[in-house]
N, C-alpha and C. Protein backbone atom coordinates (compact mmCIF):
# COMPACT_ATOMS: atom_id res chain seq x y z
N MET A 1 78.61 134.19 110.46
CA MET A 1 79.70 133.87 109.54
C MET A 1 80.69 132.94 110.24
N PHE A 2 81.07 131.89 109.57
CA PHE A 2 82.01 130.93 110.13
C PHE A 2 83.44 131.42 109.98
N LYS A 3 84.26 131.06 110.97
CA LYS A 3 85.69 131.33 110.92
C LYS A 3 86.39 130.00 110.64
N LYS A 4 87.62 130.07 110.15
CA LYS A 4 88.36 128.83 109.85
C LYS A 4 88.52 127.96 111.09
N ASP A 5 88.65 128.58 112.27
CA ASP A 5 88.79 127.80 113.51
C ASP A 5 87.56 126.95 113.80
N ASP A 6 86.40 127.34 113.24
CA ASP A 6 85.16 126.60 113.46
C ASP A 6 84.92 125.56 112.36
N CYS A 7 85.89 125.42 111.46
CA CYS A 7 85.72 124.56 110.29
C CYS A 7 86.90 123.62 110.12
N PHE A 8 86.71 122.65 109.25
CA PHE A 8 87.82 121.78 108.85
C PHE A 8 88.00 121.93 107.35
N ARG A 9 89.23 121.75 106.92
CA ARG A 9 89.54 121.85 105.49
C ARG A 9 89.10 120.56 104.80
N LEU A 10 88.18 120.71 103.88
CA LEU A 10 87.64 119.58 103.13
C LEU A 10 88.50 119.23 101.93
N GLY A 11 89.13 120.23 101.36
CA GLY A 11 89.94 120.02 100.16
C GLY A 11 90.15 121.34 99.46
N ASN A 12 90.23 121.29 98.12
CA ASN A 12 90.42 122.52 97.38
C ASN A 12 89.90 122.37 95.94
N ILE A 13 89.73 123.52 95.30
CA ILE A 13 89.31 123.55 93.91
C ILE A 13 90.57 123.44 93.08
N VAL A 14 90.64 122.41 92.25
CA VAL A 14 91.85 122.09 91.52
C VAL A 14 91.93 122.81 90.17
N LYS A 15 90.83 122.76 89.41
CA LYS A 15 90.85 123.33 88.06
C LYS A 15 89.43 123.49 87.54
N LEU A 16 89.34 124.20 86.43
CA LEU A 16 88.06 124.31 85.74
C LEU A 16 87.76 122.96 85.09
N HIS A 17 86.48 122.62 85.03
CA HIS A 17 86.12 121.34 84.40
C HIS A 17 85.45 121.55 83.04
N SER A 18 84.67 122.61 82.93
CA SER A 18 83.98 122.84 81.66
C SER A 18 83.72 124.33 81.50
N PHE A 19 83.26 124.69 80.35
CA PHE A 19 82.93 126.09 80.09
C PHE A 19 81.57 126.45 80.69
N LYS A 20 80.88 125.50 81.30
CA LYS A 20 79.56 125.74 81.90
C LYS A 20 79.63 126.04 83.39
N GLY A 21 80.82 126.35 83.90
CA GLY A 21 80.95 126.74 85.29
C GLY A 21 81.24 125.61 86.25
N GLU A 22 81.56 124.44 85.75
CA GLU A 22 81.91 123.32 86.63
C GLU A 22 83.39 123.38 86.98
N VAL A 23 83.71 122.86 88.17
CA VAL A 23 85.11 122.80 88.62
C VAL A 23 85.41 121.39 89.10
N THR A 24 86.69 121.05 89.06
CA THR A 24 87.15 119.80 89.66
C THR A 24 87.68 120.15 91.03
N ILE A 25 87.22 119.41 92.03
CA ILE A 25 87.70 119.61 93.40
C ILE A 25 88.41 118.35 93.87
N PHE A 26 89.28 118.54 94.84
CA PHE A 26 89.92 117.40 95.49
C PHE A 26 89.43 117.36 96.93
N LEU A 27 88.82 116.24 97.31
CA LEU A 27 88.34 116.04 98.68
C LEU A 27 89.46 115.37 99.47
N ASP A 28 90.11 116.14 100.31
CA ASP A 28 91.27 115.65 101.07
C ASP A 28 90.80 114.99 102.36
N VAL A 29 90.05 113.92 102.21
CA VAL A 29 89.47 113.20 103.35
C VAL A 29 89.65 111.70 103.13
N ASP A 30 89.53 110.94 104.20
CA ASP A 30 89.70 109.49 104.10
C ASP A 30 88.57 108.81 103.34
N GLU A 31 87.35 109.31 103.48
CA GLU A 31 86.18 108.69 102.88
C GLU A 31 85.42 109.71 102.02
N PRO A 32 85.89 110.00 100.81
CA PRO A 32 85.22 111.01 99.96
C PRO A 32 83.75 110.70 99.71
N GLU A 33 83.40 109.41 99.65
CA GLU A 33 82.00 109.05 99.37
C GLU A 33 81.02 109.54 100.43
N GLU A 34 81.52 109.84 101.64
CA GLU A 34 80.64 110.39 102.68
C GLU A 34 80.16 111.80 102.33
N PHE A 35 80.76 112.40 101.31
CA PHE A 35 80.42 113.77 100.94
C PHE A 35 79.73 113.83 99.57
N ARG A 36 79.18 112.71 99.13
CA ARG A 36 78.55 112.64 97.81
C ARG A 36 77.25 113.45 97.74
N LYS A 37 76.65 113.75 98.86
CA LYS A 37 75.40 114.52 98.87
C LYS A 37 75.61 115.91 99.47
N LEU A 38 76.80 116.41 99.33
CA LEU A 38 77.16 117.72 99.84
C LEU A 38 76.25 118.79 99.24
N GLU A 39 75.68 119.63 100.09
CA GLU A 39 74.77 120.67 99.62
C GLU A 39 75.44 122.03 99.50
N SER A 40 76.46 122.26 100.33
CA SER A 40 77.15 123.55 100.30
C SER A 40 78.54 123.40 100.90
N VAL A 41 79.39 124.37 100.60
CA VAL A 41 80.73 124.44 101.15
C VAL A 41 81.07 125.91 101.38
N PHE A 42 82.10 126.13 102.19
CA PHE A 42 82.67 127.46 102.30
C PHE A 42 83.93 127.48 101.45
N VAL A 43 84.06 128.49 100.61
CA VAL A 43 85.24 128.65 99.77
C VAL A 43 86.09 129.75 100.41
N ASP A 44 87.36 129.45 100.63
CA ASP A 44 88.30 130.42 101.20
C ASP A 44 88.76 131.34 100.08
N PHE A 45 88.09 132.47 99.94
CA PHE A 45 88.39 133.43 98.89
C PHE A 45 88.85 134.73 99.53
N ASP A 46 90.08 135.13 99.23
CA ASP A 46 90.69 136.33 99.83
C ASP A 46 90.65 136.26 101.35
N ASP A 47 90.93 135.08 101.90
CA ASP A 47 90.98 134.82 103.34
C ASP A 47 89.64 135.05 104.05
N LYS A 48 88.56 134.92 103.30
CA LYS A 48 87.21 134.96 103.86
C LYS A 48 86.49 133.70 103.43
N LEU A 49 85.70 133.12 104.33
CA LEU A 49 84.93 131.93 103.99
C LEU A 49 83.59 132.36 103.40
N ILE A 50 83.42 132.08 102.12
CA ILE A 50 82.22 132.47 101.39
C ILE A 50 81.39 131.22 101.12
N PRO A 51 80.09 131.22 101.51
CA PRO A 51 79.27 130.03 101.25
C PRO A 51 78.91 129.89 99.77
N PHE A 52 79.02 128.67 99.27
CA PHE A 52 78.61 128.34 97.91
C PHE A 52 77.70 127.13 98.00
N PHE A 53 76.55 127.22 97.32
CA PHE A 53 75.62 126.10 97.29
C PHE A 53 75.88 125.25 96.07
N ILE A 54 75.79 123.94 96.27
CA ILE A 54 76.13 122.98 95.22
C ILE A 54 74.87 122.54 94.49
N GLU A 55 74.90 122.73 93.18
CA GLU A 55 73.80 122.28 92.33
C GLU A 55 73.95 120.80 92.01
N LYS A 56 75.22 120.39 91.77
CA LYS A 56 75.48 119.01 91.38
C LYS A 56 76.91 118.64 91.78
N ILE A 57 77.08 117.41 92.27
CA ILE A 57 78.41 116.89 92.58
C ILE A 57 78.50 115.47 92.05
N THR A 58 79.60 115.19 91.35
CA THR A 58 79.83 113.85 90.81
C THR A 58 81.20 113.39 91.27
N LEU A 59 81.22 112.34 92.10
CA LEU A 59 82.49 111.81 92.59
C LEU A 59 83.24 111.10 91.47
N ARG A 60 84.54 111.28 91.46
CA ARG A 60 85.43 110.59 90.52
C ARG A 60 86.36 109.70 91.32
N ASN A 61 87.47 109.30 90.75
CA ASN A 61 88.44 108.44 91.43
C ASN A 61 89.39 109.25 92.31
N ASN A 62 89.93 108.58 93.32
CA ASN A 62 91.01 109.11 94.16
C ASN A 62 90.69 110.44 94.84
N GLY A 63 89.46 110.65 95.25
CA GLY A 63 89.10 111.85 96.00
C GLY A 63 88.73 113.05 95.15
N PHE A 64 88.70 112.91 93.85
CA PHE A 64 88.32 114.02 92.98
C PHE A 64 86.82 113.99 92.73
N ALA A 65 86.25 115.16 92.48
CA ALA A 65 84.84 115.28 92.17
C ALA A 65 84.65 116.47 91.24
N VAL A 66 83.59 116.41 90.45
CA VAL A 66 83.21 117.53 89.60
C VAL A 66 82.01 118.19 90.27
N VAL A 67 82.11 119.52 90.42
CA VAL A 67 81.07 120.27 91.14
C VAL A 67 80.56 121.41 90.28
N LYS A 68 79.25 121.59 90.34
CA LYS A 68 78.59 122.74 89.71
C LYS A 68 77.96 123.53 90.85
N PHE A 69 78.44 124.77 91.05
CA PHE A 69 77.87 125.64 92.08
C PHE A 69 76.65 126.35 91.51
N GLU A 70 75.64 126.56 92.37
CA GLU A 70 74.45 127.31 91.96
C GLU A 70 74.85 128.72 91.53
N ASP A 71 74.14 129.23 90.53
CA ASP A 71 74.32 130.61 90.04
C ASP A 71 75.70 130.89 89.48
N ASN A 72 76.43 129.87 89.10
CA ASN A 72 77.72 130.01 88.43
C ASN A 72 77.64 129.19 87.15
N ASP A 73 77.33 129.88 86.04
CA ASP A 73 77.01 129.17 84.81
C ASP A 73 78.05 129.28 83.71
N ASN A 74 79.20 129.90 84.03
CA ASN A 74 80.21 129.96 82.99
C ASN A 74 81.61 129.96 83.59
N GLU A 75 82.55 129.70 82.75
CA GLU A 75 83.95 129.56 83.13
C GLU A 75 84.47 130.82 83.84
N ARG A 76 84.08 131.98 83.34
CA ARG A 76 84.55 133.25 83.89
C ARG A 76 84.16 133.40 85.37
N GLN A 77 82.97 132.96 85.74
CA GLN A 77 82.49 133.11 87.10
C GLN A 77 83.27 132.26 88.11
N VAL A 78 83.73 131.08 87.70
CA VAL A 78 84.40 130.18 88.64
C VAL A 78 85.92 130.19 88.52
N LYS A 79 86.44 130.82 87.47
CA LYS A 79 87.88 130.81 87.25
C LYS A 79 88.64 131.39 88.45
N LYS A 80 88.10 132.39 89.09
CA LYS A 80 88.75 133.03 90.24
C LYS A 80 88.79 132.12 91.47
N LEU A 81 88.03 131.04 91.45
CA LEU A 81 87.98 130.13 92.60
C LEU A 81 89.02 129.01 92.54
N VAL A 82 89.66 128.83 91.39
CA VAL A 82 90.65 127.77 91.24
C VAL A 82 91.77 127.98 92.26
N LYS A 83 92.15 126.93 92.93
CA LYS A 83 93.18 126.87 93.97
C LYS A 83 92.69 127.37 95.33
N CYS A 84 91.42 127.72 95.45
CA CYS A 84 90.87 128.12 96.75
C CYS A 84 90.57 126.87 97.59
N GLY A 85 90.70 127.01 98.90
CA GLY A 85 90.38 125.93 99.81
C GLY A 85 88.89 125.79 100.03
N LEU A 86 88.46 124.59 100.36
CA LEU A 86 87.06 124.29 100.66
C LEU A 86 86.96 123.90 102.13
N TYR A 87 85.96 124.41 102.83
CA TYR A 87 85.80 124.17 104.26
C TYR A 87 84.36 123.80 104.57
N LEU A 88 84.21 123.07 105.67
CA LEU A 88 82.90 122.74 106.22
C LEU A 88 82.96 122.96 107.73
N PRO A 89 81.81 123.26 108.35
CA PRO A 89 81.79 123.41 109.82
C PRO A 89 82.19 122.10 110.51
N LEU A 90 82.90 122.22 111.62
CA LEU A 90 83.35 121.03 112.36
C LEU A 90 82.19 120.11 112.71
N GLU A 91 81.03 120.68 113.04
CA GLU A 91 79.91 119.83 113.45
C GLU A 91 79.35 118.99 112.31
N SER A 92 79.77 119.24 111.08
CA SER A 92 79.29 118.42 109.97
C SER A 92 80.13 117.17 109.74
N LEU A 93 81.20 117.02 110.52
CA LEU A 93 82.02 115.81 110.40
C LEU A 93 81.23 114.60 110.87
N PRO A 94 81.35 113.49 110.17
CA PRO A 94 80.66 112.27 110.62
C PRO A 94 81.20 111.82 111.98
N GLU A 95 80.32 111.25 112.80
CA GLU A 95 80.70 110.74 114.12
C GLU A 95 81.63 109.54 113.94
N LEU A 96 82.68 109.49 114.76
CA LEU A 96 83.64 108.39 114.68
C LEU A 96 83.43 107.41 115.84
N ASP A 97 83.86 106.19 115.64
CA ASP A 97 83.74 105.15 116.65
C ASP A 97 84.99 105.06 117.51
N GLY A 98 84.82 104.73 118.77
CA GLY A 98 85.90 104.37 119.67
C GLY A 98 87.12 105.25 119.63
N ASP A 99 88.27 104.64 119.29
CA ASP A 99 89.55 105.33 119.28
C ASP A 99 89.83 106.08 117.98
N GLU A 100 88.89 106.10 117.05
CA GLU A 100 89.11 106.86 115.83
C GLU A 100 89.05 108.34 116.17
N PHE A 101 89.82 109.14 115.43
CA PHE A 101 89.81 110.57 115.70
C PHE A 101 90.15 111.35 114.45
N TYR A 102 89.72 112.60 114.46
CA TYR A 102 90.12 113.54 113.43
C TYR A 102 91.37 114.24 113.94
N TYR A 103 92.25 114.59 113.01
CA TYR A 103 93.52 115.20 113.39
C TYR A 103 93.34 116.42 114.29
N HIS A 104 92.41 117.29 113.94
CA HIS A 104 92.25 118.51 114.73
C HIS A 104 91.83 118.22 116.18
N GLU A 105 91.23 117.07 116.42
CA GLU A 105 90.72 116.74 117.76
C GLU A 105 91.83 116.52 118.79
N ILE A 106 92.99 116.02 118.36
CA ILE A 106 93.99 115.64 119.36
C ILE A 106 94.99 116.76 119.67
N GLU A 107 94.86 117.90 119.00
CA GLU A 107 95.72 119.03 119.37
C GLU A 107 95.41 119.42 120.81
N GLY A 108 96.45 119.54 121.61
CA GLY A 108 96.28 119.84 123.02
C GLY A 108 96.18 118.61 123.91
N TYR A 109 96.12 117.42 123.32
CA TYR A 109 96.07 116.19 124.10
C TYR A 109 97.43 115.92 124.75
N LYS A 110 97.38 115.35 125.95
CA LYS A 110 98.60 114.90 126.62
C LYS A 110 99.02 113.59 125.97
N ALA A 111 100.32 113.45 125.66
CA ALA A 111 100.85 112.23 125.07
C ALA A 111 101.62 111.46 126.13
N ILE A 112 101.22 110.19 126.33
CA ILE A 112 101.87 109.34 127.32
C ILE A 112 102.37 108.08 126.61
N ASP A 113 103.68 107.85 126.73
CA ASP A 113 104.28 106.66 126.14
C ASP A 113 104.29 105.54 127.18
N LYS A 114 104.09 104.33 126.73
CA LYS A 114 104.04 103.14 127.60
C LYS A 114 105.31 103.00 128.44
N ASN A 115 106.48 103.32 127.87
CA ASN A 115 107.74 103.14 128.59
C ASN A 115 108.30 104.42 129.20
N LEU A 116 108.08 105.56 128.57
CA LEU A 116 108.67 106.81 129.02
C LEU A 116 107.76 107.66 129.89
N GLY A 117 106.48 107.34 129.90
CA GLY A 117 105.53 108.17 130.65
C GLY A 117 105.12 109.37 129.81
N GLU A 118 104.77 110.47 130.48
CA GLU A 118 104.31 111.66 129.77
C GLU A 118 105.45 112.25 128.94
N ILE A 119 105.18 112.46 127.66
CA ILE A 119 106.24 112.99 126.80
C ILE A 119 105.88 114.34 126.18
N GLY A 120 104.74 114.88 126.51
CA GLY A 120 104.42 116.21 126.01
C GLY A 120 102.96 116.38 125.64
N ILE A 121 102.69 117.53 125.01
CA ILE A 121 101.35 117.89 124.56
C ILE A 121 101.37 117.96 123.04
N VAL A 122 100.37 117.35 122.41
CA VAL A 122 100.28 117.36 120.95
C VAL A 122 100.03 118.80 120.49
N SER A 123 100.93 119.31 119.66
CA SER A 123 100.77 120.68 119.17
C SER A 123 100.18 120.72 117.77
N GLY A 124 100.16 119.59 117.09
CA GLY A 124 99.56 119.56 115.76
C GLY A 124 99.80 118.25 115.06
N ILE A 125 99.24 118.15 113.87
CA ILE A 125 99.45 117.00 112.99
C ILE A 125 99.96 117.55 111.67
N LEU A 126 101.06 117.01 111.22
CA LEU A 126 101.56 117.35 109.89
C LEU A 126 100.97 116.32 108.95
N ASP A 127 100.05 116.75 108.13
CA ASP A 127 99.24 115.85 107.33
C ASP A 127 99.89 115.53 105.99
N TYR A 128 100.96 114.73 106.03
CA TYR A 128 101.58 114.24 104.81
C TYR A 128 100.81 113.01 104.36
N ALA A 129 100.38 113.00 103.13
CA ALA A 129 99.49 111.94 102.63
C ALA A 129 100.00 110.54 102.94
N SER A 130 101.27 110.28 102.71
CA SER A 130 101.77 108.93 102.90
C SER A 130 102.19 108.64 104.34
N ASN A 131 102.41 109.67 105.14
CA ASN A 131 102.88 109.45 106.50
C ASN A 131 102.57 110.64 107.40
N PRO A 132 101.32 110.76 107.90
CA PRO A 132 101.01 111.86 108.80
C PRO A 132 101.86 111.75 110.07
N LEU A 133 102.23 112.90 110.63
CA LEU A 133 103.09 112.94 111.81
C LEU A 133 102.42 113.69 112.95
N ILE A 134 102.51 113.13 114.16
CA ILE A 134 102.04 113.81 115.36
C ILE A 134 103.20 114.68 115.84
N GLN A 135 102.90 115.94 116.04
CA GLN A 135 103.92 116.91 116.43
C GLN A 135 103.72 117.26 117.91
N LEU A 136 104.82 117.20 118.69
CA LEU A 136 104.75 117.60 120.09
C LEU A 136 106.11 118.09 120.55
N GLU A 137 106.11 118.71 121.72
CA GLU A 137 107.38 119.17 122.28
C GLU A 137 107.74 118.28 123.46
N TYR A 138 108.97 117.78 123.46
CA TYR A 138 109.47 116.90 124.52
C TYR A 138 110.86 117.37 124.90
N GLN A 139 111.05 117.68 126.15
CA GLN A 139 112.33 118.18 126.67
C GLN A 139 112.86 119.32 125.79
N SER A 140 111.99 120.29 125.53
CA SER A 140 112.31 121.51 124.78
C SER A 140 112.71 121.27 123.32
N ARG A 141 112.34 120.13 122.77
CA ARG A 141 112.60 119.84 121.35
C ARG A 141 111.31 119.41 120.66
N GLU A 142 111.20 119.80 119.39
CA GLU A 142 110.06 119.35 118.61
C GLU A 142 110.28 117.89 118.23
N ILE A 143 109.28 117.06 118.49
CA ILE A 143 109.33 115.63 118.19
C ILE A 143 108.23 115.33 117.18
N LEU A 144 108.54 114.50 116.20
CA LEU A 144 107.57 114.06 115.21
C LEU A 144 107.42 112.55 115.31
N ILE A 145 106.20 112.13 115.54
CA ILE A 145 105.90 110.70 115.71
C ILE A 145 104.98 110.26 114.58
N PRO A 146 105.36 109.24 113.82
CA PRO A 146 104.48 108.77 112.75
C PRO A 146 103.12 108.35 113.33
N LYS A 147 102.05 108.81 112.70
CA LYS A 147 100.69 108.46 113.14
C LYS A 147 100.35 107.10 112.52
N GLN A 148 100.87 106.06 113.17
CA GLN A 148 100.64 104.71 112.70
C GLN A 148 99.93 103.93 113.80
N ASP A 149 99.02 103.08 113.38
CA ASP A 149 98.21 102.33 114.34
C ASP A 149 99.04 101.58 115.37
N GLN A 150 100.19 101.03 114.96
CA GLN A 150 100.99 100.24 115.90
C GLN A 150 101.63 101.11 116.99
N PHE A 151 101.69 102.43 116.80
CA PHE A 151 102.27 103.31 117.81
C PHE A 151 101.20 103.90 118.74
N ILE A 152 99.94 103.84 118.35
CA ILE A 152 98.86 104.42 119.15
C ILE A 152 98.10 103.29 119.83
N GLU A 153 98.25 103.20 121.15
CA GLU A 153 97.56 102.15 121.89
C GLU A 153 96.08 102.47 122.06
N ARG A 154 95.81 103.71 122.50
CA ARG A 154 94.41 104.10 122.66
C ARG A 154 94.32 105.60 122.84
N LEU A 155 93.11 106.07 122.76
CA LEU A 155 92.82 107.49 122.88
C LEU A 155 91.74 107.64 123.94
N ASP A 156 91.95 108.52 124.89
CA ASP A 156 90.95 108.78 125.91
C ASP A 156 90.44 110.20 125.70
N LYS A 157 89.29 110.31 125.03
CA LYS A 157 88.75 111.62 124.68
C LYS A 157 88.31 112.39 125.92
N GLU A 158 87.85 111.67 126.93
CA GLU A 158 87.38 112.34 128.15
C GLU A 158 88.53 113.04 128.88
N SER A 159 89.67 112.37 129.02
CA SER A 159 90.81 112.98 129.71
C SER A 159 91.77 113.70 128.75
N LYS A 160 91.41 113.69 127.46
CA LYS A 160 92.24 114.32 126.41
C LYS A 160 93.68 113.81 126.48
N THR A 161 93.79 112.48 126.38
CA THR A 161 95.09 111.83 126.46
C THR A 161 95.22 110.81 125.33
N ILE A 162 96.40 110.81 124.70
CA ILE A 162 96.70 109.80 123.70
C ILE A 162 97.80 108.92 124.27
N TYR A 163 97.55 107.61 124.31
CA TYR A 163 98.50 106.64 124.86
C TYR A 163 99.27 106.00 123.71
N LEU A 164 100.59 106.07 123.80
CA LEU A 164 101.47 105.60 122.73
C LEU A 164 102.34 104.44 123.19
N ASN A 165 102.81 103.68 122.25
CA ASN A 165 103.79 102.65 122.49
C ASN A 165 104.85 102.82 121.40
N LEU A 166 105.77 103.75 121.67
CA LEU A 166 106.77 104.10 120.66
C LEU A 166 107.86 103.05 120.57
N PRO A 167 108.38 102.85 119.38
CA PRO A 167 109.48 101.89 119.23
C PRO A 167 110.72 102.39 119.97
N GLU A 168 111.45 101.47 120.52
CA GLU A 168 112.66 101.82 121.25
C GLU A 168 113.60 102.61 120.35
N GLY A 169 114.11 103.71 120.87
CA GLY A 169 115.08 104.52 120.14
C GLY A 169 114.49 105.63 119.29
N LEU A 170 113.17 105.66 119.12
CA LEU A 170 112.58 106.69 118.27
C LEU A 170 112.91 108.10 118.77
N LEU A 171 112.75 108.33 120.05
CA LEU A 171 113.02 109.67 120.58
C LEU A 171 114.51 109.96 120.68
N ASP A 172 115.32 108.91 120.73
CA ASP A 172 116.78 109.11 120.82
C ASP A 172 117.34 109.88 119.63
N ILE A 173 116.73 109.72 118.47
CA ILE A 173 117.26 110.40 117.29
C ILE A 173 117.20 111.92 117.43
N TYR A 174 116.34 112.41 118.32
CA TYR A 174 116.24 113.85 118.53
C TYR A 174 117.26 114.37 119.54
N PHE A 175 117.90 113.46 120.26
CA PHE A 175 118.80 113.88 121.33
C PHE A 175 120.26 113.48 121.12
N ASN A 176 120.52 112.64 120.15
CA ASN A 176 121.92 112.27 119.86
C ASN A 176 122.60 113.44 119.18
N ASP A 177 123.80 113.75 119.63
CA ASP A 177 124.57 114.83 119.04
C ASP A 177 125.25 114.30 117.79
N HIS A 178 124.87 114.83 116.64
CA HIS A 178 125.38 114.33 115.37
C HIS A 178 126.55 115.16 114.84
N THR A 179 127.15 116.01 115.67
CA THR A 179 128.27 116.82 115.19
C THR A 179 129.52 115.99 115.12
N ASN A 180 130.36 116.31 114.22
CA ASN A 180 131.62 115.59 114.03
C ASN A 180 132.70 116.34 114.78
N ASP A 181 133.32 115.71 115.77
CA ASP A 181 134.31 116.37 116.62
C ASP A 181 135.74 116.23 116.10
N GLU A 182 135.93 115.74 114.88
CA GLU A 182 137.28 115.60 114.35
C GLU A 182 137.87 116.96 114.05
N ASN A 183 139.12 117.23 114.53
CA ASN A 183 139.79 118.50 114.26
C ASN A 183 141.14 118.25 113.67
C-alpha cells in the first residue's frame, strides 16, 4: 500500500460528470497531456489512498478531464469521491531534463545566492498557480522567494543545491522594521 509520502498529488475530483459514474477531474500538473493514457490513480478517501482503475479518460481544456473508473457505473457510486485528491507514485513522474525539477524534489536542498552565499535550506514550495514560492529559513525568519526562471541560475541534483541570483533588496523586506515609532 502506498503512502502519501511515496506519491505526488496529481489533482482532484471536481464534480460528477454524468449519471453513468463519470467524474470531472482537475490535473494540477504542467503537462496534463502526459497523463492521457493514465491506467489507474490513488484516490485519497478518508485519508487512505485507494487504488482506482480507469476505464476511460478524456482530456478537456485547462487541465480538466472526464474519467470513468472501472466498476463504477452510476452517480451514487462516485458521488462520495467528489473533492477527493488524486495521487500517483513518485516513480511514475516523467523524467525531466537538466535543471528542470519537480517541486517535491528540492525540499531539503541548500540554497545559495550569487551575492549573499548560503541563505538556508528549502523547506517547501507554496504552489500558488500564478506565482509558486520557494520557502526557506534565513537568519531565523521564513523567506519566500518567487520560483521564477530569472532567479534560479542552476540546480545541482548531485549536491542537492539550488543556486539563485536574487534581485537586490528582496531579502531586505524580511528584515526592515516596519513599526511606526511616532508617540
